């Protein structure tokens, strides 16, 4: 399984930019205002980001493997 180039770029931006941004904002603001369950939210976002990164890596490896096999034919 591998993702289309456009989908891969969108998910990569989410994993590399938007989820870490959300984690930083929530963690940073939770130091000054009370955000209920902020540690749980940050933890869940971290787990989601790790899972998404794993999915993207698997997709990239499958894509490269398929490209290598096409080149051998």
N, C-alpha and C. Protein backbone atom coordinates (compact mmCIF):
# COMPACT_ATOMS: atom_id res chain seq x y z
N UNK A 1 0.84 -1.18 0.00
CA UNK A 1 0.00 0.00 0.00
C UNK A 1 0.88 1.25 0.00
N UNK A 2 0.59 2.15 -0.89
CA UNK A 2 1.22 3.46 -0.79
C UNK A 2 0.21 4.52 -1.19
N UNK A 3 0.45 5.72 -0.70
CA UNK A 3 -0.48 6.82 -0.89
C UNK A 3 -0.16 7.59 -2.15
N UNK A 4 -1.17 8.28 -2.68
CA UNK A 4 -0.90 9.15 -3.82
C UNK A 4 0.05 10.26 -3.37
N UNK A 5 0.73 10.86 -4.32
CA UNK A 5 1.69 11.90 -3.99
C UNK A 5 1.03 13.06 -3.25
N UNK A 6 -0.15 13.45 -3.71
CA UNK A 6 -0.85 14.58 -3.08
C UNK A 6 -1.26 14.23 -1.64
N UNK A 7 -1.80 13.04 -1.44
CA UNK A 7 -2.22 12.62 -0.10
C UNK A 7 -1.01 12.52 0.82
N UNK A 8 0.10 12.00 0.29
CA UNK A 8 1.32 11.87 1.08
C UNK A 8 1.81 13.25 1.54
N UNK A 9 1.79 14.22 0.64
CA UNK A 9 2.24 15.56 1.00
C UNK A 9 1.34 16.19 2.05
N UNK A 10 0.03 15.98 1.94
CA UNK A 10 -0.90 16.54 2.92
C UNK A 10 -0.67 15.91 4.29
N UNK A 11 -0.59 14.58 4.34
CA UNK A 11 -0.38 13.90 5.61
C UNK A 11 0.99 14.22 6.20
N UNK A 12 1.97 14.39 5.34
CA UNK A 12 3.31 14.75 5.82
C UNK A 12 3.30 16.13 6.46
N UNK A 13 2.59 17.08 5.86
CA UNK A 13 2.47 18.41 6.45
C UNK A 13 1.76 18.35 7.79
N UNK A 14 0.73 17.52 7.88
CA UNK A 14 0.02 17.37 9.15
C UNK A 14 0.95 16.80 10.21
N UNK A 15 1.70 15.76 9.84
CA UNK A 15 2.58 15.08 10.80
C UNK A 15 3.79 15.93 11.20
N UNK A 16 4.34 16.67 10.26
CA UNK A 16 5.56 17.43 10.53
C UNK A 16 5.32 18.85 11.01
N UNK A 17 4.16 19.40 10.70
CA UNK A 17 3.92 20.81 11.01
C UNK A 17 2.74 21.02 11.95
N UNK A 18 1.56 20.55 11.55
CA UNK A 18 0.34 20.94 12.26
C UNK A 18 0.15 20.24 13.60
N UNK A 19 0.42 18.95 13.69
CA UNK A 19 0.28 18.28 14.99
C UNK A 19 1.31 18.80 15.98
N UNK A 20 2.60 18.91 15.61
CA UNK A 20 3.54 19.49 16.57
C UNK A 20 3.18 20.93 16.96
N UNK A 21 2.64 21.70 16.02
CA UNK A 21 2.18 23.06 16.33
C UNK A 21 1.08 23.03 17.38
N UNK A 22 0.11 22.13 17.18
CA UNK A 22 -0.99 22.01 18.14
C UNK A 22 -0.49 21.58 19.51
N UNK A 23 0.45 20.64 19.53
CA UNK A 23 1.02 20.19 20.80
C UNK A 23 1.70 21.36 21.51
N UNK A 24 2.49 22.13 20.78
CA UNK A 24 3.20 23.26 21.39
C UNK A 24 2.24 24.32 21.92
N UNK A 25 1.21 24.63 21.15
CA UNK A 25 0.23 25.64 21.57
C UNK A 25 -0.51 25.18 22.82
N UNK A 26 -1.00 23.95 22.80
CA UNK A 26 -1.75 23.44 23.94
C UNK A 26 -0.86 23.37 25.18
N UNK A 27 0.33 22.82 25.02
CA UNK A 27 1.24 22.72 26.16
C UNK A 27 1.64 24.09 26.68
N UNK A 28 1.97 24.99 25.76
CA UNK A 28 2.39 26.33 26.17
C UNK A 28 1.30 27.10 26.89
N UNK A 29 0.10 27.10 26.33
CA UNK A 29 -1.00 27.83 26.96
C UNK A 29 -1.45 27.17 28.25
N UNK A 30 -1.30 25.86 28.36
CA UNK A 30 -1.76 25.18 29.57
C UNK A 30 -0.92 25.58 30.78
N UNK A 31 0.24 26.17 30.53
CA UNK A 31 1.07 26.66 31.64
C UNK A 31 0.49 27.94 32.24
N UNK A 32 -0.31 28.66 31.48
CA UNK A 32 -0.84 29.96 31.93
C UNK A 32 -2.35 29.95 32.16
N UNK A 33 -3.06 29.12 31.42
CA UNK A 33 -4.50 29.02 31.63
C UNK A 33 -4.84 27.55 31.85
N UNK A 34 -5.92 27.32 32.51
CA UNK A 34 -6.30 25.94 32.78
C UNK A 34 -7.03 25.35 31.57
N UNK A 35 -6.35 24.41 30.94
CA UNK A 35 -6.97 23.65 29.85
C UNK A 35 -7.23 22.26 30.43
N UNK A 36 -8.50 21.88 30.54
CA UNK A 36 -8.80 20.57 31.14
C UNK A 36 -8.11 19.44 30.39
N UNK A 37 -7.48 18.56 31.16
CA UNK A 37 -6.84 17.35 30.61
C UNK A 37 -5.79 17.67 29.55
N UNK A 38 -5.06 18.76 29.71
CA UNK A 38 -4.09 19.16 28.69
C UNK A 38 -2.99 18.12 28.49
N UNK A 39 -2.56 17.47 29.58
CA UNK A 39 -1.53 16.44 29.43
C UNK A 39 -2.04 15.26 28.62
N UNK A 40 -3.29 14.89 28.82
CA UNK A 40 -3.88 13.79 28.06
C UNK A 40 -4.02 14.17 26.58
N UNK A 41 -4.42 15.41 26.33
CA UNK A 41 -4.57 15.87 24.95
C UNK A 41 -3.22 15.86 24.23
N UNK A 42 -2.20 16.42 24.90
CA UNK A 42 -0.86 16.46 24.31
C UNK A 42 -0.34 15.04 24.09
N UNK A 43 -0.57 14.16 25.03
CA UNK A 43 -0.14 12.77 24.89
C UNK A 43 -0.82 12.07 23.72
N UNK A 44 -2.13 12.26 23.60
CA UNK A 44 -2.86 11.65 22.49
C UNK A 44 -2.41 12.19 21.14
N UNK A 45 -2.16 13.48 21.08
CA UNK A 45 -1.67 14.06 19.82
C UNK A 45 -0.29 13.51 19.48
N UNK A 46 0.55 13.31 20.50
CA UNK A 46 1.87 12.73 20.27
C UNK A 46 1.78 11.32 19.72
N UNK A 47 0.88 10.52 20.29
CA UNK A 47 0.68 9.15 19.81
C UNK A 47 0.14 9.16 18.38
N UNK A 48 -0.82 10.04 18.11
CA UNK A 48 -1.36 10.17 16.76
C UNK A 48 -0.27 10.55 15.76
N UNK A 49 0.59 11.47 16.16
CA UNK A 49 1.68 11.91 15.28
C UNK A 49 2.66 10.76 15.00
N UNK A 50 2.97 9.99 16.04
CA UNK A 50 3.88 8.85 15.85
C UNK A 50 3.26 7.81 14.92
N UNK A 51 1.97 7.53 15.09
CA UNK A 51 1.29 6.55 14.24
C UNK A 51 1.23 7.04 12.79
N UNK A 52 0.96 8.32 12.60
CA UNK A 52 0.91 8.88 11.26
C UNK A 52 2.29 8.84 10.61
N UNK A 53 3.33 9.13 11.37
CA UNK A 53 4.69 9.03 10.85
C UNK A 53 5.04 7.62 10.43
N UNK A 54 4.59 6.63 11.19
CA UNK A 54 4.82 5.23 10.85
C UNK A 54 4.09 4.87 9.55
N UNK A 55 2.85 5.31 9.43
CA UNK A 55 2.09 5.07 8.20
C UNK A 55 2.78 5.69 6.99
N UNK A 56 3.25 6.91 7.13
CA UNK A 56 3.93 7.58 6.02
C UNK A 56 5.23 6.88 5.65
N UNK A 57 5.97 6.42 6.64
CA UNK A 57 7.22 5.70 6.37
C UNK A 57 6.94 4.39 5.64
N UNK A 58 5.92 3.67 6.07
CA UNK A 58 5.56 2.41 5.40
C UNK A 58 5.15 2.68 3.95
N UNK A 59 4.39 3.73 3.75
CA UNK A 59 3.96 4.09 2.40
C UNK A 59 5.17 4.43 1.52
N UNK A 60 6.10 5.19 2.06
CA UNK A 60 7.30 5.58 1.32
C UNK A 60 8.13 4.35 0.95
N UNK A 61 8.31 3.45 1.90
CA UNK A 61 9.09 2.23 1.61
C UNK A 61 8.43 1.38 0.53
N UNK A 62 7.11 1.23 0.61
CA UNK A 62 6.41 0.45 -0.42
C UNK A 62 6.51 1.11 -1.78
N UNK A 63 6.41 2.42 -1.81
CA UNK A 63 6.52 3.16 -3.07
C UNK A 63 7.90 2.96 -3.68
N UNK A 64 8.94 3.09 -2.86
CA UNK A 64 10.31 2.92 -3.36
C UNK A 64 10.55 1.49 -3.82
N UNK A 65 10.02 0.52 -3.08
CA UNK A 65 10.18 -0.88 -3.46
C UNK A 65 9.52 -1.15 -4.81
N UNK A 66 8.31 -0.61 -5.00
CA UNK A 66 7.62 -0.78 -6.28
C UNK A 66 8.40 -0.13 -7.42
N UNK A 67 8.97 1.04 -7.18
CA UNK A 67 9.75 1.73 -8.21
C UNK A 67 11.01 0.94 -8.56
N UNK A 68 11.66 0.33 -7.56
CA UNK A 68 12.84 -0.49 -7.81
C UNK A 68 12.47 -1.71 -8.67
N UNK A 69 11.34 -2.34 -8.35
CA UNK A 69 10.91 -3.51 -9.09
C UNK A 69 10.55 -3.16 -10.53
N UNK A 70 9.98 -1.98 -10.74
CA UNK A 70 9.67 -1.52 -12.10
C UNK A 70 10.95 -1.32 -12.90
N UNK A 71 11.99 -0.84 -12.25
CA UNK A 71 13.25 -0.59 -12.93
C UNK A 71 13.98 -1.86 -13.32
N UNK A 72 13.73 -2.96 -12.59
CA UNK A 72 14.39 -4.23 -12.88
C UNK A 72 13.77 -4.95 -14.07
N UNK A 73 12.53 -4.61 -14.39
CA UNK A 73 11.83 -5.31 -15.46
C UNK A 73 12.28 -4.88 -16.82
